[in-house]
Amino acid sequence: MTKKKLIRSRDGTEIYYEVYGEHSAGKPVLFFVHGVGGDLDAWQYVKNFLLAKKYSAVAMDIRGHGHSGHPRKPEAYKLERFVEDVIEVFDAEQLDKVILIGHSLGAVLTTHITLAHQKRVEKLILIAGSYLPPSYFKIPGSFALTDFLALISPPPVRAGHSIYPSQKHHKDIEIFGLMRTIARNSVMSYILSSREILKNDLTTELTKIEVPTLIISGSKDSVFPTNISELMHSQIKNSQLKIIKEANHVVVLNNAEETAELIGEFLI
């Protein structure tokens, strides 16, 4: 059974999420956070495999994506806002502890959430994630340019779901697929979300993560290559690293069953 819910975050932005199954005492709740440019449907294949094993789960649309609100002001996309949104959903569902699962920039966001609220995370699962910003963010004036591009972009609209799963079997960099995905969420939300979530270098913070952590990487990931996951594994003391052969960055879609199996084994 799926329950569709909407709450307001502290700054008034509506946050949409879905609840799958019934939460029960002593049973871990899986909490899914998608990456920038996607929506909660990114998890539909992985989620279905895990729900069949009787886990309950929650998946949300991060602000600026899917059915959640699309604030127009750049300050609405500050990292702390994204973190607050997730905690607001935790509180709304009375979740004291969760199994926190993030993909791509969602993995970066869940790393920040774990560092800020470690007592509320039972286990952490990072899929095709990273710990440092891409090199182009170091170019002088890059932040000013992204703000300008966001401000002149068309007003955002809530275009709903269903576009991200259509990228199943896509390559990492497929320009037309990327354009369709961005169009569903607006250039503004894509730019501001990406910039904010990725701007902080977590190199010195990873050693502070104490919860059991599973790191999953695709051997053919050209967005966040496996060497990034290997370094994360070396810094997070209680971590496991699993590399899926021949998988690219879109591992949650293209290799959903194998990804779900690795998660299931980790949760036992």
C-alpha atoms as a PDB file:
ATOM      1  CA  MET A   1       0.000   0.000   0.000  1.00  0.00           C
ATOM      2  CA  THR A   2       1.314   3.436  -0.957  1.00  0.00           C
ATOM      3  CA  LYS A   3       0.437   6.568   0.999  1.00  0.00           C
ATOM      4  CA  LYS A   4       1.076   9.888  -0.744  1.00  0.00           C
ATOM      5  CA  LYS A   5       1.812  12.759   1.604  1.00  0.00           C
ATOM      6  CA  LEU A   6       2.668  16.451   1.545  1.00  0.00           C
ATOM      7  CA  ILE A   7       4.132  18.535   4.369  1.00  0.00           C
ATOM      8  CA  ARG A   8       5.472  22.072   4.656  1.00  0.00           C
ATOM      9  CA  SER A   9       9.093  22.558   5.585  1.00  0.00           C
ATOM     10  CA  ARG A  10      10.236  25.358   7.884  1.00  0.00           C
ATOM     11  CA  ASP A  11      10.453  27.920   5.103  1.00  0.00           C
ATOM     12  CA  GLY A  12       7.001  27.024   3.767  1.00  0.00           C
ATOM     13  CA  THR A  13       8.158  24.857   0.851  1.00  0.00           C
ATOM     14  CA  GLU A  14       5.895  21.868   0.244  1.00  0.00           C
ATOM     15  CA  ILE A  15       7.702  18.521   0.425  1.00  0.00           C
ATOM     16  CA  TYR A  16       6.126  15.498  -1.227  1.00  0.00           C
ATOM     17  CA  TYR A  17       6.872  11.951  -0.142  1.00  0.00           C
ATOM     18  CA  GLU A  18       5.425   8.460  -0.312  1.00  0.00           C
ATOM     19  CA  VAL A  19       5.191   5.764   2.354  1.00  0.00           C
ATOM     20  CA  TYR A  20       5.265   2.098   1.379  1.00  0.00           C
ATOM     21  CA  GLY A  21       4.064  -0.570   3.804  1.00  0.00           C
ATOM     22  CA  GLU A  22       3.402  -0.217   7.516  1.00  0.00           C
ATOM     23  CA  HIS A  23       6.115   0.835   9.941  1.00  0.00           C
ATOM     24  CA  SER A  24       6.479  -1.621  12.812  1.00  0.00           C
ATOM     25  CA  ALA A  25       8.538  -1.543  15.993  1.00  0.00           C
ATOM     26  CA  GLY A  26      11.924  -3.165  15.623  1.00  0.00           C
ATOM     27  CA  LYS A  27      11.733  -3.227  11.823  1.00  0.00           C
ATOM     28  CA  PRO A  28      14.074  -0.870   9.961  1.00  0.00           C
ATOM     29  CA  VAL A  29      12.524   1.734   7.689  1.00  0.00           C
ATOM     30  CA  LEU A  30      14.292   2.366   4.397  1.00  0.00           C
ATOM     31  CA  PHE A  31      14.501   6.062   3.497  1.00  0.00           C
ATOM     32  CA  PHE A  32      15.362   6.850  -0.136  1.00  0.00           C
ATOM     33  CA  VAL A  33      16.851  10.143  -1.368  1.00  0.00           C
ATOM     34  CA  HIS A  34      17.200  10.593  -5.136  1.00  0.00           C
ATOM     35  CA  GLY A  35      19.784  12.675  -6.953  1.00  0.00           C
ATOM     36  CA  VAL A  36      19.512  16.115  -8.513  1.00  0.00           C
ATOM     37  CA  GLY A  37      17.430  16.138 -11.685  1.00  0.00           C
ATOM     38  CA  GLY A  38      15.505  13.014 -10.713  1.00  0.00           C
ATOM     39  CA  ASP A  39      12.576  12.270  -8.434  1.00  0.00           C
ATOM     40  CA  LEU A  40      11.448   9.497  -6.125  1.00  0.00           C
ATOM     41  CA  ASP A  41      10.571   7.265  -9.086  1.00  0.00           C
ATOM     42  CA  ALA A  42      14.317   6.745  -9.541  1.00  0.00           C
ATOM     43  CA  TRP A  43      13.900   4.115  -6.832  1.00  0.00           C
ATOM     44  CA  GLN A  44      10.936   2.232  -8.248  1.00  0.00           C
ATOM     45  CA  TYR A  45      12.882  -0.888  -9.272  1.00  0.00           C
ATOM     46  CA  VAL A  46      15.230  -1.109  -6.268  1.00  0.00           C
ATOM     47  CA  LYS A  47      12.356  -0.290  -3.919  1.00  0.00           C
ATOM     48  CA  ASN A  48      10.097  -3.010  -5.288  1.00  0.00           C
ATOM     49  CA  PHE A  49      12.770  -5.678  -4.789  1.00  0.00           C
ATOM     50  CA  LEU A  50      13.239  -4.607  -1.164  1.00  0.00           C
ATOM     51  CA  LEU A  51       9.527  -4.222  -0.371  1.00  0.00           C
ATOM     52  CA  ALA A  52       9.092  -7.842  -1.431  1.00  0.00           C
ATOM     53  CA  LYS A  53      11.365  -8.683   1.508  1.00  0.00           C
ATOM     54  CA  LYS A  54       8.829  -7.029   3.849  1.00  0.00           C
ATOM     55  CA  TYR A  55      10.699  -3.819   4.558  1.00  0.00           C
ATOM     56  CA  SER A  56       8.705  -0.615   4.899  1.00  0.00           C
ATOM     57  CA  ALA A  57      10.043   2.453   3.133  1.00  0.00           C
ATOM     58  CA  VAL A  58       9.753   6.177   2.544  1.00  0.00           C
ATOM     59  CA  ALA A  59      10.869   8.019  -0.595  1.00  0.00           C
ATOM     60  CA  MET A  60      10.727  11.777  -1.053  1.00  0.00           C
ATOM     61  CA  ASP A  61      11.037  14.357  -3.788  1.00  0.00           C
ATOM     62  CA  ILE A  62      13.732  16.806  -2.714  1.00  0.00           C
ATOM     63  CA  ARG A  63      12.777  20.471  -3.035  1.00  0.00           C
ATOM     64  CA  GLY A  64      12.792  21.730  -6.599  1.00  0.00           C
ATOM     65  CA  HIS A  65      11.960  18.270  -7.929  1.00  0.00           C
ATOM     66  CA  GLY A  66       8.910  16.172  -8.744  1.00  0.00           C
ATOM     67  CA  HIS A  67       5.790  17.038  -6.737  1.00  0.00           C
ATOM     68  CA  SER A  68       7.667  19.027  -4.079  1.00  0.00           C
ATOM     69  CA  GLY A  69       7.684  22.808  -4.138  1.00  0.00           C
ATOM     70  CA  HIS A  70       9.966  24.638  -6.557  1.00  0.00           C
ATOM     71  CA  PRO A  71      11.090  27.785  -4.702  1.00  0.00           C
ATOM     72  CA  ARG A  72      12.214  30.625  -6.929  1.00  0.00           C
ATOM     73  CA  LYS A  73      14.774  32.247  -4.619  1.00  0.00           C
ATOM     74  CA  PRO A  74      18.370  30.909  -4.666  1.00  0.00           C
ATOM     75  CA  GLU A  75      18.579  30.998  -0.864  1.00  0.00           C
ATOM     76  CA  ALA A  76      15.815  28.370  -0.717  1.00  0.00           C
ATOM     77  CA  TYR A  77      18.343  25.880  -2.103  1.00  0.00           C
ATOM     78  CA  LYS A  78      20.879  26.171   0.706  1.00  0.00           C
ATOM     79  CA  LEU A  79      22.246  22.836   1.879  1.00  0.00           C
ATOM     80  CA  GLU A  80      20.716  23.221   5.324  1.00  0.00           C
ATOM     81  CA  ARG A  81      17.270  23.506   3.716  1.00  0.00           C
ATOM     82  CA  PHE A  82      17.664  20.124   2.016  1.00  0.00           C
ATOM     83  CA  VAL A  83      18.811  18.590   5.309  1.00  0.00           C
ATOM     84  CA  GLU A  84      15.906  20.198   7.208  1.00  0.00           C
ATOM     85  CA  ASP A  85      13.407  18.822   4.686  1.00  0.00           C
ATOM     86  CA  VAL A  86      14.552  15.257   5.286  1.00  0.00           C
ATOM     87  CA  ILE A  87      14.424  15.678   9.061  1.00  0.00           C
ATOM     88  CA  GLU A  88      10.922  17.183   8.741  1.00  0.00           C
ATOM     89  CA  VAL A  89       9.792  13.996   6.999  1.00  0.00           C
ATOM     90  CA  PHE A  90      11.506  11.880   9.689  1.00  0.00           C
ATOM     91  CA  ASP A  91       9.531  13.788  12.320  1.00  0.00           C
ATOM     92  CA  ALA A  92       6.237  13.685  10.421  1.00  0.00           C
ATOM     93  CA  GLU A  93       6.514   9.893  10.193  1.00  0.00           C
ATOM     94  CA  GLN A  94       7.869   9.561  13.747  1.00  0.00           C
ATOM     95  CA  LEU A  95      10.999   7.826  12.514  1.00  0.00           C
ATOM     96  CA  ASP A  96      13.590   7.744  15.277  1.00  0.00           C
ATOM     97  CA  LYS A  97      16.093   5.849  13.121  1.00  0.00           C
ATOM     98  CA  VAL A  98      16.237   4.951   9.444  1.00  0.00           C
ATOM     99  CA  ILE A  99      18.286   3.066   6.906  1.00  0.00           C
ATOM    100  CA  LEU A 100      19.327   6.082   4.826  1.00  0.00           C
ATOM    101  CA  ILE A 101      19.882   5.409   1.114  1.00  0.00           C
ATOM    102  CA  GLY A 102      21.085   7.981  -1.431  1.00  0.00           C
ATOM    103  CA  HIS A 103      22.040   7.872  -5.102  1.00  0.00           C
ATOM    104  CA  SER A 104      24.419  10.270  -6.896  1.00  0.00           C
ATOM    105  CA  LEU A 105      23.988  13.756  -5.429  1.00  0.00           C
ATOM    106  CA  GLY A 106      21.400  12.176  -3.148  1.00  0.00           C
ATOM    107  CA  ALA A 107      24.295  10.162  -1.703  1.00  0.00           C
ATOM    108  CA  VAL A 108      26.183  13.404  -1.087  1.00  0.00           C
ATOM    109  CA  LEU A 109      23.100  14.821   0.638  1.00  0.00           C
ATOM    110  CA  THR A 110      22.614  11.725   2.804  1.00  0.00           C
ATOM    111  CA  THR A 111      26.260  11.975   3.846  1.00  0.00           C
ATOM    112  CA  HIS A 112      25.596  15.517   5.085  1.00  0.00           C
ATOM    113  CA  ILE A 113      22.426  14.344   6.858  1.00  0.00           C
ATOM    114  CA  THR A 114      24.329  11.547   8.598  1.00  0.00           C
ATOM    115  CA  LEU A 115      27.074  13.898   9.755  1.00  0.00           C
ATOM    116  CA  ALA A 116      24.504  16.337  11.175  1.00  0.00           C
ATOM    117  CA  HIS A 117      22.051  13.788  12.627  1.00  0.00           C
ATOM    118  CA  GLN A 118      24.047  10.604  13.169  1.00  0.00           C
ATOM    119  CA  LYS A 119      21.835   9.372  16.023  1.00  0.00           C
ATOM    120  CA  ARG A 120      18.890   9.128  13.625  1.00  0.00           C
ATOM    121  CA  VAL A 121      20.698   6.958  11.076  1.00  0.00           C
ATOM    122  CA  GLU A 122      20.928   3.232  11.775  1.00  0.00           C
ATOM    123  CA  LYS A 123      22.786   2.424   8.569  1.00  0.00           C
ATOM    124  CA  LEU A 124      23.935   4.451   5.570  1.00  0.00           C
ATOM    125  CA  ILE A 125      23.956   3.315   1.945  1.00  0.00           C
ATOM    126  CA  LEU A 126      25.784   5.474  -0.615  1.00  0.00           C
ATOM    127  CA  ILE A 127      25.235   4.597  -4.274  1.00  0.00           C
ATOM    128  CA  ALA A 128      27.372   6.219  -7.000  1.00  0.00           C
ATOM    129  CA  GLY A 129      28.184   9.105  -4.679  1.00  0.00           C
ATOM    130  CA  SER A 130      31.037  11.513  -4.043  1.00  0.00           C
ATOM    131  CA  TYR A 131      32.667  13.485  -1.257  1.00  0.00           C
ATOM    132  CA  LEU A 132      34.089  16.483  -3.118  1.00  0.00           C
ATOM    133  CA  PRO A 133      32.885  19.051  -5.661  1.00  0.00           C
ATOM    134  CA  PRO A 134      33.780  18.732  -9.335  1.00  0.00           C
ATOM    135  CA  SER A 135      36.762  20.726 -10.556  1.00  0.00           C
ATOM    136  CA  TYR A 136      34.674  23.256 -12.482  1.00  0.00           C
ATOM    137  CA  PHE A 137      33.280  24.608  -9.199  1.00  0.00           C
ATOM    138  CA  LYS A 138      36.796  25.883  -8.458  1.00  0.00           C
ATOM    139  CA  ILE A 139      36.752  28.228 -11.453  1.00  0.00           C
ATOM    140  CA  PRO A 140      36.585  31.887 -10.309  1.00  0.00           C
ATOM    141  CA  GLY A 141      33.097  33.302 -10.836  1.00  0.00           C
ATOM    142  CA  SER A 142      31.413  29.915 -11.268  1.00  0.00           C
ATOM    143  CA  PHE A 143      28.977  30.524  -8.385  1.00  0.00           C
ATOM    144  CA  ALA A 144      27.981  33.935  -9.757  1.00  0.00           C
ATOM    145  CA  LEU A 145      27.419  32.397 -13.181  1.00  0.00           C
ATOM    146  CA  THR A 146      25.161  29.659 -11.826  1.00  0.00           C
ATOM    147  CA  ASP A 147      23.107  32.215  -9.897  1.00  0.00           C
ATOM    148  CA  PHE A 148      22.678  34.272 -13.066  1.00  0.00           C
ATOM    149  CA  LEU A 149      21.651  31.263 -15.170  1.00  0.00           C
ATOM    150  CA  ALA A 150      19.145  30.240 -12.520  1.00  0.00           C
ATOM    151  CA  LEU A 151      17.583  33.677 -12.310  1.00  0.00           C
ATOM    152  CA  ILE A 152      17.070  34.024 -16.074  1.00  0.00           C
ATOM    153  CA  SER A 153      15.669  30.507 -16.476  1.00  0.00           C
ATOM    154  CA  PRO A 154      11.918  29.971 -17.047  1.00  0.00           C
ATOM    155  CA  PRO A 155       9.742  29.704 -13.927  1.00  0.00           C
ATOM    156  CA  PRO A 156       9.720  26.178 -12.498  1.00  0.00           C
ATOM    157  CA  VAL A 157       6.658  23.963 -12.724  1.00  0.00           C
ATOM    158  CA  ARG A 158       5.650  20.786 -10.960  1.00  0.00           C
ATOM    159  CA  ALA A 159       5.819  18.392 -13.850  1.00  0.00           C
ATOM    160  CA  GLY A 160       5.353  15.286 -11.752  1.00  0.00           C
ATOM    161  CA  HIS A 161       7.125  11.976 -12.121  1.00  0.00           C
ATOM    162  CA  SER A 162       7.806   9.221 -14.630  1.00  0.00           C
ATOM    163  CA  ILE A 163      10.626  10.796 -16.676  1.00  0.00           C
ATOM    164  CA  TYR A 164      13.615   9.452 -14.705  1.00  0.00           C
ATOM    165  CA  PRO A 165      12.841   5.733 -15.109  1.00  0.00           C
ATOM    166  CA  SER A 166      12.797   6.313 -18.867  1.00  0.00           C
ATOM    167  CA  GLN A 167      16.581   6.687 -18.601  1.00  0.00           C
ATOM    168  CA  LYS A 168      16.936   2.959 -17.942  1.00  0.00           C
ATOM    169  CA  HIS A 169      19.713   1.611 -20.206  1.00  0.00           C
ATOM    170  CA  HIS A 170      21.009   5.158 -20.793  1.00  0.00           C
ATOM    171  CA  LYS A 171      24.680   6.024 -20.787  1.00  0.00           C
ATOM    172  CA  ASP A 172      26.106   8.289 -18.086  1.00  0.00           C
ATOM    173  CA  ILE A 173      26.270  11.334 -20.333  1.00  0.00           C
ATOM    174  CA  GLU A 174      23.345  11.341 -22.709  1.00  0.00           C
ATOM    175  CA  ILE A 175      22.520  14.927 -23.555  1.00  0.00           C
ATOM    176  CA  PHE A 176      18.918  14.499 -24.741  1.00  0.00           C
ATOM    177  CA  GLY A 177      17.992  12.394 -21.728  1.00  0.00           C
ATOM    178  CA  LEU A 178      19.630  14.962 -19.463  1.00  0.00           C
ATOM    179  CA  MET A 179      17.739  17.802 -21.146  1.00  0.00           C
ATOM    180  CA  ARG A 180      14.412  16.005 -20.715  1.00  0.00           C
ATOM    181  CA  THR A 181      15.158  15.385 -17.054  1.00  0.00           C
ATOM    182  CA  ILE A 182      16.144  18.995 -16.391  1.00  0.00           C
ATOM    183  CA  ALA A 183      13.069  20.244 -18.242  1.00  0.00           C
ATOM    184  CA  ARG A 184      10.838  18.322 -15.845  1.00  0.00           C
ATOM    185  CA  ASN A 185      12.298  20.172 -12.862  1.00  0.00           C
ATOM    186  CA  SER A 186      13.460  23.482 -14.405  1.00  0.00           C
ATOM    187  CA  VAL A 187      16.965  24.669 -15.161  1.00  0.00           C
ATOM    188  CA  MET A 188      16.839  26.798 -12.032  1.00  0.00           C
ATOM    189  CA  SER A 189      16.257  23.979  -9.552  1.00  0.00           C
ATOM    190  CA  TYR A 190      18.788  21.749 -11.324  1.00  0.00           C
ATOM    191  CA  ILE A 191      21.545  24.377 -11.233  1.00  0.00           C
ATOM    192  CA  LEU A 192      20.953  25.616  -7.695  1.00  0.00           C
ATOM    193  CA  SER A 193      20.505  22.145  -6.202  1.00  0.00           C
ATOM    194  CA  SER A 194      23.619  20.770  -7.886  1.00  0.00           C
ATOM    195  CA  ARG A 195      25.759  23.718  -6.902  1.00  0.00           C
ATOM    196  CA  GLU A 196      24.674  23.765  -3.284  1.00  0.00           C
ATOM    197  CA  ILE A 197      24.827  20.033  -2.557  1.00  0.00           C
ATOM    198  CA  LEU A 198      28.225  19.650  -4.228  1.00  0.00           C
ATOM    199  CA  LYS A 199      29.995  22.793  -3.079  1.00  0.00           C
ATOM    200  CA  ASN A 200      31.431  21.391   0.165  1.00  0.00           C
ATOM    201  CA  ASP A 201      34.481  19.141   0.256  1.00  0.00           C
ATOM    202  CA  LEU A 202      33.828  16.318   2.745  1.00  0.00           C
ATOM    203  CA  THR A 203      37.335  14.848   2.642  1.00  0.00           C
ATOM    204  CA  THR A 204      38.064  15.650   6.283  1.00  0.00           C
ATOM    205  CA  GLU A 205      34.534  14.800   7.474  1.00  0.00           C
ATOM    206  CA  LEU A 206      34.208  11.190   6.323  1.00  0.00           C
ATOM    207  CA  THR A 207      36.153   9.817   9.299  1.00  0.00           C
ATOM    208  CA  LYS A 208      33.402  11.184  11.578  1.00  0.00           C
ATOM    209  CA  ILE A 209      30.824   8.758  10.170  1.00  0.00           C
ATOM    210  CA  GLU A 210      30.431   5.929  12.671  1.00  0.00           C
ATOM    211  CA  VAL A 211      27.306   4.118  11.454  1.00  0.00           C
ATOM    212  CA  PRO A 212      27.637   0.943   9.347  1.00  0.00           C
ATOM    213  CA  THR A 213      27.933   2.102   5.744  1.00  0.00           C
ATOM    214  CA  LEU A 214      27.567   0.356   2.397  1.00  0.00           C
ATOM    215  CA  ILE A 215      29.173   2.017  -0.623  1.00  0.00           C
ATOM    216  CA  ILE A 216      28.049   0.833  -4.066  1.00  0.00           C
ATOM    217  CA  SER A 217      29.800   1.884  -7.275  1.00  0.00           C
ATOM    218  CA  GLY A 218      29.551   0.906 -10.920  1.00  0.00           C
ATOM    219  CA  SER A 219      32.839  -0.108 -12.538  1.00  0.00           C
ATOM    220  CA  LYS A 220      31.950   1.976 -15.617  1.00  0.00           C
ATOM    221  CA  ASP A 221      30.705   5.058 -13.744  1.00  0.00           C
ATOM    222  CA  SER A 222      32.153   8.079 -15.546  1.00  0.00           C
ATOM    223  CA  VAL A 223      30.369  10.678 -13.384  1.00  0.00           C
ATOM    224  CA  PHE A 224      31.741   9.616  -9.988  1.00  0.00           C
ATOM    225  CA  PRO A 225      34.354   6.928 -10.844  1.00  0.00           C
ATOM    226  CA  THR A 226      35.134   4.003  -8.554  1.00  0.00           C
ATOM    227  CA  ASN A 227      38.302   5.622  -7.199  1.00  0.00           C
ATOM    228  CA  ILE A 228      36.036   8.118  -5.407  1.00  0.00           C
ATOM    229  CA  SER A 229      34.122   5.273  -3.753  1.00  0.00           C
ATOM    230  CA  GLU A 230      37.397   3.570  -2.851  1.00  0.00           C
ATOM    231  CA  LEU A 231      38.617   6.666  -1.038  1.00  0.00           C
ATOM    232  CA  MET A 232      35.289   7.007   0.781  1.00  0.00           C
ATOM    233  CA  HIS A 233      35.606   3.380   1.867  1.00  0.00           C
ATOM    234  CA  SER A 234      39.119   4.003   3.193  1.00  0.00           C
ATOM    235  CA  GLN A 235      37.918   6.983   5.254  1.00  0.00           C
ATOM    236  CA  ILE A 236      34.637   5.605   6.649  1.00  0.00           C
ATOM    237  CA  LYS A 237      35.880   3.087   9.185  1.00  0.00           C
ATOM    238  CA  ASN A 238      32.800   0.867   9.449  1.00  0.00           C
ATOM    239  CA  SER A 239      32.140   0.587   5.713  1.00  0.00           C
ATOM    240  CA  GLN A 240      31.872  -1.998   2.957  1.00  0.00           C
ATOM    241  CA  LEU A 241      32.569  -1.337  -0.719  1.00  0.00           C
ATOM    242  CA  LYS A 242      30.772  -3.241  -3.465  1.00  0.00           C
ATOM    243  CA  ILE A 243      31.566  -2.611  -7.134  1.00  0.00           C
ATOM    244  CA  ILE A 244      29.047  -3.773  -9.726  1.00  0.00           C
ATOM    245  CA  LYS A 245      30.853  -4.887 -12.870  1.00  0.00           C
ATOM    246  CA  GLU A 246      29.979  -3.165 -16.145  1.00  0.00           C
ATOM    247  CA  ALA A 247      27.551  -0.821 -14.341  1.00  0.00           C
ATOM    248  CA  ASN A 248      27.504   2.901 -15.046  1.00  0.00           C
ATOM    249  CA  HIS A 249      26.282   5.851 -12.970  1.00  0.00           C
ATOM    250  CA  VAL A 250      22.598   4.991 -13.475  1.00  0.00           C
ATOM    251  CA  VAL A 251      23.100   1.816 -11.457  1.00  0.00           C
ATOM    252  CA  VAL A 252      19.792   2.106  -9.566  1.00  0.00           C
ATOM    253  CA  LEU A 253      17.954   1.669 -12.872  1.00  0.00           C
ATOM    254  CA  ASN A 254      20.265  -0.390 -15.061  1.00  0.00           C
ATOM    255  CA  ASN A 255      21.341  -2.784 -12.292  1.00  0.00           C
ATOM    256  CA  ALA A 256      18.397  -2.505  -9.923  1.00  0.00           C
ATOM    257  CA  GLU A 257      18.185  -6.164  -8.926  1.00  0.00           C
ATOM    258  CA  GLU A 258      21.890  -6.472  -8.165  1.00  0.00           C
ATOM    259  CA  THR A 259      21.823  -3.172  -6.275  1.00  0.00           C
ATOM    260  CA  ALA A 260      18.816  -4.327  -4.238  1.00  0.00           C
ATOM    261  CA  GLU A 261      20.476  -7.672  -3.488  1.00  0.00           C
ATOM    262  CA  LEU A 262      23.590  -5.922  -2.165  1.00  0.00           C
ATOM    263  CA  ILE A 263      21.406  -3.709   0.018  1.00  0.00           C
ATOM    264  CA  GLY A 264      19.439  -6.715   1.268  1.00  0.00           C
ATOM    265  CA  GLU A 265      22.629  -8.586   2.197  1.00  0.00           C
ATOM    266  CA  PHE A 266      23.943  -5.522   4.025  1.00  0.00           C
ATOM    267  CA  LEU A 267      20.750  -5.198   6.068  1.00  0.00           C
ATOM    268  CA  ILE A 268      20.782  -8.770   7.368  1.00  0.00           C
END
